[in-house]
Structure formats: structure tokens, C-alpha cells
All heavy atoms as atom14 arrays in JSON, in Angstrom:
{
  "sequence": "LPSLPGEKLRNYDPNWYRLYFLENGNFNRRSGLSK",
  "atom14_mask": [
    [1, 1, 1, 1, 1, 1, 1, 1, 0, 0, 0, 0, 0, 0],
    [1, 1, 1, 1, 1, 1, 1, 0, 0, 0, 0, 0, 0, 0],
    [1, 1, 1, 1, 1, 1, 0, 0, 0, 0, 0, 0, 0, 0],
    [1, 1, 1, 1, 1, 1, 1, 1, 0, 0, 0, 0, 0, 0],
    [1, 1, 1, 1, 1, 1, 1, 0, 0, 0, 0, 0, 0, 0],
    [1, 1, 1, 1, 0, 0, 0, 0, 0, 0, 0, 0, 0, 0],
    [1, 1, 1, 1, 1, 1, 1, 1, 1, 0, 0, 0, 0, 0],
    [1, 1, 1, 1, 1, 1, 1, 1, 1, 0, 0, 0, 0, 0],
    [1, 1, 1, 1, 1, 1, 1, 1, 0, 0, 0, 0, 0, 0],
    [1, 1, 1, 1, 1, 1, 1, 1, 1, 1, 1, 0, 0, 0],
    [1, 1, 1, 1, 1, 1, 1, 1, 0, 0, 0, 0, 0, 0],
    [1, 1, 1, 1, 1, 1, 1, 1, 1, 1, 1, 1, 0, 0],
    [1, 1, 1, 1, 1, 1, 1, 1, 0, 0, 0, 0, 0, 0],
    [1, 1, 1, 1, 1, 1, 1, 0, 0, 0, 0, 0, 0, 0],
    [1, 1, 1, 1, 1, 1, 1, 1, 0, 0, 0, 0, 0, 0],
    [1, 1, 1, 1, 1, 1, 1, 1, 1, 1, 1, 1, 1, 1],
    [1, 1, 1, 1, 1, 1, 1, 1, 1, 1, 1, 1, 0, 0],
    [1, 1, 1, 1, 1, 1, 1, 1, 1, 1, 1, 0, 0, 0],
    [1, 1, 1, 1, 1, 1, 1, 1, 0, 0, 0, 0, 0, 0],
    [1, 1, 1, 1, 1, 1, 1, 1, 1, 1, 1, 1, 0, 0],
    [1, 1, 1, 1, 1, 1, 1, 1, 1, 1, 1, 0, 0, 0],
    [1, 1, 1, 1, 1, 1, 1, 1, 0, 0, 0, 0, 0, 0],
    [1, 1, 1, 1, 1, 1, 1, 1, 1, 0, 0, 0, 0, 0],
    [1, 1, 1, 1, 1, 1, 1, 1, 0, 0, 0, 0, 0, 0],
    [1, 1, 1, 1, 0, 0, 0, 0, 0, 0, 0, 0, 0, 0],
    [1, 1, 1, 1, 1, 1, 1, 1, 0, 0, 0, 0, 0, 0],
    [1, 1, 1, 1, 1, 1, 1, 1, 1, 1, 1, 0, 0, 0],
    [1, 1, 1, 1, 1, 1, 1, 1, 0, 0, 0, 0, 0, 0],
    [1, 1, 1, 1, 1, 1, 1, 1, 1, 1, 1, 0, 0, 0],
    [1, 1, 1, 1, 1, 1, 1, 1, 1, 1, 1, 0, 0, 0],
    [1, 1, 1, 1, 1, 1, 0, 0, 0, 0, 0, 0, 0, 0],
    [1, 1, 1, 1, 0, 0, 0, 0, 0, 0, 0, 0, 0, 0],
    [1, 1, 1, 1, 1, 1, 1, 1, 0, 0, 0, 0, 0, 0],
    [1, 1, 1, 1, 1, 1, 0, 0, 0, 0, 0, 0, 0, 0],
    [1, 1, 1, 1, 1, 1, 1, 1, 1, 0, 0, 0, 0, 0]
  ],
  "atom14_positions": [
    [[26.19, -3.59, 35.6], [25.53, -2.31, 36.05], [24.21, -2.2, 35.35], [24.08, -2.52, 34.18], [26.43, -1.16, 35.8], [27.77, -1.11, 36.54], [28.59, 0.12, 36.16], [27.5, -1.16, 38.06], [0.0, 0.0, 0.0], [0.0, 0.0, 0.0], [0.0, 0.0, 0.0], [0.0, 0.0, 0.0], [0.0, 0.0, 0.0], [0.0, 0.0, 0.0]],
    [[23.23, -1.58, 36.0], [22.0, -1.36, 35.35], [22.11, -0.23, 34.32], [23.02, 0.62, 34.42], [21.01, -0.94, 36.49], [21.94, -0.48, 37.52], [23.22, -1.26, 37.41], [0.0, 0.0, 0.0], [0.0, 0.0, 0.0], [0.0, 0.0, 0.0], [0.0, 0.0, 0.0], [0.0, 0.0, 0.0], [0.0, 0.0, 0.0], [0.0, 0.0, 0.0]],
    [[21.25, -0.23, 33.3], [21.29, 0.82, 32.34], [20.86, 2.13, 32.92], [19.94, 2.23, 33.73], [20.32, 0.43, 31.14], [19.02, 0.32, 31.58], [0.0, 0.0, 0.0], [0.0, 0.0, 0.0], [0.0, 0.0, 0.0], [0.0, 0.0, 0.0], [0.0, 0.0, 0.0], [0.0, 0.0, 0.0], [0.0, 0.0, 0.0], [0.0, 0.0, 0.0]],
    [[21.51, 3.21, 32.48], [21.24, 4.53, 33.01], [20.0, 5.12, 32.35], [19.67, 4.72, 31.16], [22.49, 5.47, 32.78], [23.77, 5.01, 33.49], [24.85, 5.97, 33.02], [23.54, 5.02, 34.98], [0.0, 0.0, 0.0], [0.0, 0.0, 0.0], [0.0, 0.0, 0.0], [0.0, 0.0, 0.0], [0.0, 0.0, 0.0], [0.0, 0.0, 0.0]],
    [[19.28, 6.05, 32.96], [18.14, 6.63, 32.28], [18.55, 7.38, 31.05], [19.5, 8.19, 31.06], [17.6, 7.58, 33.39], [18.12, 7.06, 34.68], [19.47, 6.45, 34.37], [0.0, 0.0, 0.0], [0.0, 0.0, 0.0], [0.0, 0.0, 0.0], [0.0, 0.0, 0.0], [0.0, 0.0, 0.0], [0.0, 0.0, 0.0], [0.0, 0.0, 0.0]],
    [[17.84, 7.16, 29.99], [18.12, 7.78, 28.71], [19.29, 7.24, 27.97], [19.8, 7.9, 27.03], [0.0, 0.0, 0.0], [0.0, 0.0, 0.0], [0.0, 0.0, 0.0], [0.0, 0.0, 0.0], [0.0, 0.0, 0.0], [0.0, 0.0, 0.0], [0.0, 0.0, 0.0], [0.0, 0.0, 0.0], [0.0, 0.0, 0.0], [0.0, 0.0, 0.0]],
    [[19.85, 6.1, 28.44], [21.04, 5.59, 27.71], [20.81, 5.25, 26.3], [21.61, 5.51, 25.41], [21.54, 4.38, 28.5], [22.79, 3.75, 27.99], [24.02, 4.63, 28.2], [23.91, 5.47, 29.15], [24.97, 4.42, 27.52], [0.0, 0.0, 0.0], [0.0, 0.0, 0.0], [0.0, 0.0, 0.0], [0.0, 0.0, 0.0], [0.0, 0.0, 0.0]],
    [[19.55, 4.78, 25.92], [19.27, 4.39, 24.57], [19.01, 5.63, 23.71], [18.99, 5.55, 22.47], [18.06, 3.47, 24.53], [18.36, 2.14, 25.17], [17.25, 1.13, 24.9], [17.59, -0.22, 25.5], [16.48, -1.21, 25.23], [0.0, 0.0, 0.0], [0.0, 0.0, 0.0], [0.0, 0.0, 0.0], [0.0, 0.0, 0.0], [0.0, 0.0, 0.0]],
    [[18.83, 6.81, 24.29], [18.55, 7.99, 23.55], [19.84, 8.82, 23.47], [19.83, 9.97, 22.85], [17.45, 8.79, 24.24], [16.09, 8.24, 24.22], [15.08, 9.08, 25.0], [15.56, 7.96, 22.85], [0.0, 0.0, 0.0], [0.0, 0.0, 0.0], [0.0, 0.0, 0.0], [0.0, 0.0, 0.0], [0.0, 0.0, 0.0], [0.0, 0.0, 0.0]],
    [[20.95, 8.42, 24.1], [22.14, 9.19, 24.05], [22.66, 9.43, 22.68], [23.11, 10.56, 22.3], [23.19, 8.57, 24.93], [24.47, 9.3, 25.1], [25.33, 8.75, 26.3], [25.65, 7.38, 26.06], [26.7, 6.96, 25.42], [27.63, 7.85, 24.92], [26.96, 5.65, 25.28], [0.0, 0.0, 0.0], [0.0, 0.0, 0.0], [0.0, 0.0, 0.0]],
    [[22.61, 8.45, 21.84], [23.04, 8.52, 20.44], [21.87, 8.59, 19.44], [22.04, 8.22, 18.28], [23.94, 7.39, 20.13], [25.15, 7.35, 20.98], [25.77, 8.35, 21.24], [25.63, 6.16, 21.36], [0.0, 0.0, 0.0], [0.0, 0.0, 0.0], [0.0, 0.0, 0.0], [0.0, 0.0, 0.0], [0.0, 0.0, 0.0], [0.0, 0.0, 0.0]],
    [[20.73, 9.04, 19.94], [19.54, 9.13, 19.01], [19.76, 10.29, 18.1], [19.84, 11.47, 18.43], [18.3, 9.33, 19.91], [17.0, 9.53, 19.14], [16.5, 8.48, 18.4], [16.29, 10.71, 19.15], [15.35, 8.61, 17.64], [15.14, 10.88, 18.45], [14.66, 9.82, 17.68], [13.5, 9.95, 16.99], [0.0, 0.0, 0.0], [0.0, 0.0, 0.0]],
    [[19.74, 9.92, 16.82], [20.03, 10.95, 15.67], [19.18, 10.56, 14.51], [19.64, 9.86, 13.56], [21.49, 10.96, 15.35], [21.85, 12.06, 14.36], [21.06, 12.94, 14.2], [22.93, 11.99, 13.73], [0.0, 0.0, 0.0], [0.0, 0.0, 0.0], [0.0, 0.0, 0.0], [0.0, 0.0, 0.0], [0.0, 0.0, 0.0], [0.0, 0.0, 0.0]],
    [[17.9, 10.94, 14.53], [16.94, 10.54, 13.45], [17.33, 11.38, 12.16], [17.84, 12.52, 12.25], [15.55, 10.89, 14.0], [15.88, 12.03, 14.96], [17.19, 11.72, 15.56], [0.0, 0.0, 0.0], [0.0, 0.0, 0.0], [0.0, 0.0, 0.0], [0.0, 0.0, 0.0], [0.0, 0.0, 0.0], [0.0, 0.0, 0.0], [0.0, 0.0, 0.0]],
    [[17.01, 10.74, 11.05], [17.18, 11.47, 9.78], [16.05, 12.43, 9.56], [15.05, 12.46, 10.32], [17.28, 10.47, 8.64], [16.12, 9.47, 8.61], [15.06, 9.86, 8.96], [16.38, 8.24, 8.16], [0.0, 0.0, 0.0], [0.0, 0.0, 0.0], [0.0, 0.0, 0.0], [0.0, 0.0, 0.0], [0.0, 0.0, 0.0], [0.0, 0.0, 0.0]],
    [[16.11, 13.18, 8.46], [15.14, 14.22, 8.25], [13.81, 13.66, 8.05], [12.73, 14.24, 8.57], [15.61, 15.08, 7.08], [14.67, 16.25, 6.81], [14.79, 17.56, 7.36], [13.46, 16.29, 6.05], [13.76, 18.31, 6.97], [12.9, 17.56, 6.12], [12.77, 15.26, 5.31], [11.72, 17.94, 5.48], [11.58, 15.64, 4.67], [11.05, 16.98, 4.7]],
    [[13.7, 12.51, 7.35], [12.41, 11.93, 7.07], [11.75, 11.5, 8.33], [10.5, 11.68, 8.61], [12.58, 10.76, 6.13], [11.34, 9.93, 5.88], [10.3, 10.38, 4.99], [11.08, 8.76, 6.61], [9.14, 9.6, 4.82], [9.95, 8.01, 6.47], [8.97, 8.45, 5.58], [7.82, 7.69, 5.42], [0.0, 0.0, 0.0], [0.0, 0.0, 0.0]],
    [[12.51, 10.77, 9.23], [11.93, 10.33, 10.47], [11.52, 11.52, 11.38], [10.52, 11.5, 12.13], [12.91, 9.45, 11.18], [12.36, 8.88, 12.54], [13.41, 7.98, 13.19], [12.89, 7.55, 14.5], [12.09, 6.49, 14.67], [11.65, 5.82, 13.61], [11.7, 6.14, 15.85], [0.0, 0.0, 0.0], [0.0, 0.0, 0.0], [0.0, 0.0, 0.0]],
    [[12.41, 12.53, 11.43], [12.13, 13.7, 12.28], [10.9, 14.44, 11.85], [10.1, 14.91, 12.64], [13.33, 14.63, 12.24], [13.17, 15.91, 13.11], [13.21, 15.53, 14.57], [14.42, 16.86, 12.76], [0.0, 0.0, 0.0], [0.0, 0.0, 0.0], [0.0, 0.0, 0.0], [0.0, 0.0, 0.0], [0.0, 0.0, 0.0], [0.0, 0.0, 0.0]],
    [[10.64, 14.54, 10.52], [9.51, 15.29, 10.02], [8.19, 14.51, 10.03], [7.17, 15.03, 10.44], [9.84, 15.76, 8.59], [8.85, 16.75, 8.09], [8.74, 18.05, 8.44], [7.82, 16.31, 7.19], [7.84, 18.94, 7.95], [6.95, 17.18, 6.64], [6.93, 18.52, 7.01], [5.98, 19.39, 6.62], [0.0, 0.0, 0.0], [0.0, 0.0, 0.0]],
    [[8.25, 13.26, 9.69], [7.01, 12.5, 9.49], [6.67, 11.52, 10.73], [5.5, 11.28, 10.94], [7.08, 11.57, 8.27], [7.04, 12.46, 6.99], [8.21, 12.73, 6.27], [5.85, 12.94, 6.48], [8.2, 13.39, 5.14], [5.86, 13.68, 5.3], [7.06, 13.95, 4.63], [0.0, 0.0, 0.0], [0.0, 0.0, 0.0], [0.0, 0.0, 0.0]],
    [[7.66, 11.04, 11.4], [7.31, 10.06, 12.4], [7.57, 10.46, 13.88], [7.05, 9.86, 14.78], [8.3, 8.83, 12.17], [8.1, 8.15, 10.75], [9.01, 6.93, 10.65], [6.57, 7.7, 10.59], [0.0, 0.0, 0.0], [0.0, 0.0, 0.0], [0.0, 0.0, 0.0], [0.0, 0.0, 0.0], [0.0, 0.0, 0.0], [0.0, 0.0, 0.0]],
    [[8.41, 11.47, 14.03], [8.73, 11.87, 15.43], [7.53, 12.59, 16.0], [7.06, 13.63, 15.52], [9.94, 12.79, 15.52], [10.41, 13.12, 16.87], [10.66, 11.91, 17.75], [11.67, 11.21, 17.41], [9.88, 11.64, 18.66], [0.0, 0.0, 0.0], [0.0, 0.0, 0.0], [0.0, 0.0, 0.0], [0.0, 0.0, 0.0], [0.0, 0.0, 0.0]],
    [[7.03, 12.07, 17.19], [5.92, 12.7, 17.84], [6.24, 13.24, 19.23], [5.34, 13.68, 19.98], [4.72, 11.71, 17.98], [5.16, 10.42, 18.76], [6.27, 10.34, 19.18], [4.25, 9.45, 18.73], [0.0, 0.0, 0.0], [0.0, 0.0, 0.0], [0.0, 0.0, 0.0], [0.0, 0.0, 0.0], [0.0, 0.0, 0.0], [0.0, 0.0, 0.0]],
    [[7.52, 13.13, 19.68], [7.91, 13.7, 20.92], [7.58, 12.79, 22.14], [7.77, 13.29, 23.28], [0.0, 0.0, 0.0], [0.0, 0.0, 0.0], [0.0, 0.0, 0.0], [0.0, 0.0, 0.0], [0.0, 0.0, 0.0], [0.0, 0.0, 0.0], [0.0, 0.0, 0.0], [0.0, 0.0, 0.0], [0.0, 0.0, 0.0], [0.0, 0.0, 0.0]],
    [[7.07, 11.62, 21.96], [6.73, 10.72, 23.07], [7.95, 9.91, 23.47], [8.04, 8.73, 23.16], [5.57, 9.84, 22.73], [4.97, 9.07, 23.89], [5.37, 9.37, 25.06], [4.06, 8.21, 23.67], [0.0, 0.0, 0.0], [0.0, 0.0, 0.0], [0.0, 0.0, 0.0], [0.0, 0.0, 0.0], [0.0, 0.0, 0.0], [0.0, 0.0, 0.0]],
    [[8.91, 10.57, 24.12], [10.11, 9.86, 24.47], [10.02, 8.94, 25.66], [10.87, 8.06, 25.9], [11.23, 10.92, 24.78], [11.59, 11.83, 23.66], [11.13, 13.14, 23.59], [12.32, 11.42, 22.62], [11.42, 13.93, 22.56], [12.6, 12.19, 21.52], [12.15, 13.49, 21.49], [0.0, 0.0, 0.0], [0.0, 0.0, 0.0], [0.0, 0.0, 0.0]],
    [[8.92, 9.11, 26.43], [8.78, 8.21, 27.63], [8.55, 6.79, 27.19], [8.74, 5.83, 27.99], [7.64, 8.72, 28.44], [8.0, 9.97, 29.24], [9.09, 10.28, 29.43], [6.99, 10.79, 29.55], [0.0, 0.0, 0.0], [0.0, 0.0, 0.0], [0.0, 0.0, 0.0], [0.0, 0.0, 0.0], [0.0, 0.0, 0.0], [0.0, 0.0, 0.0]],
    [[8.02, 6.54, 26.02], [7.74, 5.19, 25.62], [8.99, 4.42, 25.23], [9.02, 3.23, 25.08], [6.79, 5.19, 24.36], [5.49, 5.83, 24.71], [4.48, 5.71, 23.53], [4.22, 4.33, 23.23], [3.4, 3.91, 22.29], [2.8, 4.8, 21.51], [3.2, 2.63, 22.09], [0.0, 0.0, 0.0], [0.0, 0.0, 0.0], [0.0, 0.0, 0.0]],
    [[10.11, 5.13, 25.04], [11.38, 4.46, 24.78], [12.03, 4.02, 26.09], [12.09, 4.79, 27.04], [12.34, 5.34, 23.98], [11.79, 5.72, 22.6], [12.82, 6.56, 21.79], [12.4, 6.76, 20.49], [11.68, 7.83, 20.11], [11.38, 8.77, 20.98], [11.31, 7.95, 18.84], [0.0, 0.0, 0.0], [0.0, 0.0, 0.0], [0.0, 0.0, 0.0]],
    [[12.41, 2.74, 26.19], [13.01, 2.27, 27.39], [14.23, 2.93, 27.78], [15.03, 3.36, 26.92], [13.19, 0.72, 27.23], [14.15, 0.5, 26.24], [0.0, 0.0, 0.0], [0.0, 0.0, 0.0], [0.0, 0.0, 0.0], [0.0, 0.0, 0.0], [0.0, 0.0, 0.0], [0.0, 0.0, 0.0], [0.0, 0.0, 0.0], [0.0, 0.0, 0.0]],
    [[14.48, 3.02, 29.06], [15.66, 3.61, 29.58], [15.48, 4.92, 30.24], [16.36, 5.43, 30.99], [0.0, 0.0, 0.0], [0.0, 0.0, 0.0], [0.0, 0.0, 0.0], [0.0, 0.0, 0.0], [0.0, 0.0, 0.0], [0.0, 0.0, 0.0], [0.0, 0.0, 0.0], [0.0, 0.0, 0.0], [0.0, 0.0, 0.0], [0.0, 0.0, 0.0]],
    [[14.28, 5.52, 30.08], [14.02, 6.83, 30.76], [13.33, 6.62, 32.14], [12.49, 5.67, 32.22], [13.13, 7.71, 29.87], [13.85, 8.4, 28.7], [12.82, 9.19, 27.94], [14.91, 9.29, 29.22], [0.0, 0.0, 0.0], [0.0, 0.0, 0.0], [0.0, 0.0, 0.0], [0.0, 0.0, 0.0], [0.0, 0.0, 0.0], [0.0, 0.0, 0.0]],
    [[13.68, 7.33, 33.06], [13.02, 7.3, 34.36], [11.62, 7.86, 34.19], [11.4, 8.91, 33.52], [13.73, 8.15, 35.41], [15.06, 7.55, 35.57], [0.0, 0.0, 0.0], [0.0, 0.0, 0.0], [0.0, 0.0, 0.0], [0.0, 0.0, 0.0], [0.0, 0.0, 0.0], [0.0, 0.0, 0.0], [0.0, 0.0, 0.0], [0.0, 0.0, 0.0]],
    [[10.66, 7.33, 34.83], [9.3, 7.76, 34.83], [8.85, 8.21, 36.15], [9.35, 7.83, 37.15], [8.4, 6.62, 34.27], [8.69, 6.17, 32.92], [7.77, 5.09, 32.42], [8.1, 4.57, 31.05], [7.23, 3.51, 30.63], [0.0, 0.0, 0.0], [0.0, 0.0, 0.0], [0.0, 0.0, 0.0], [0.0, 0.0, 0.0], [0.0, 0.0, 0.0]]
  ]
}
């Protein structure tokens, strides 16, 4: 079966350091989301 949209973000749980310093909210660049 093909991968579902957002499948790779289903268990996305960044730590505090990544959330504060690296997360920019550009989720469309992560594969698996419908565009």
C-alpha cells in the first residue's frame, strides 16, 4: 500500500532543543504530506 499523507509525522515528537531552535514550521518539506 502507498504511504498515507502525514504518515512520517504521525509519531513526530521533537525534544525541547529541536522545538525551540530548529523547528520552523515548514512541514510541507517533509515527505508524506499531500501538497
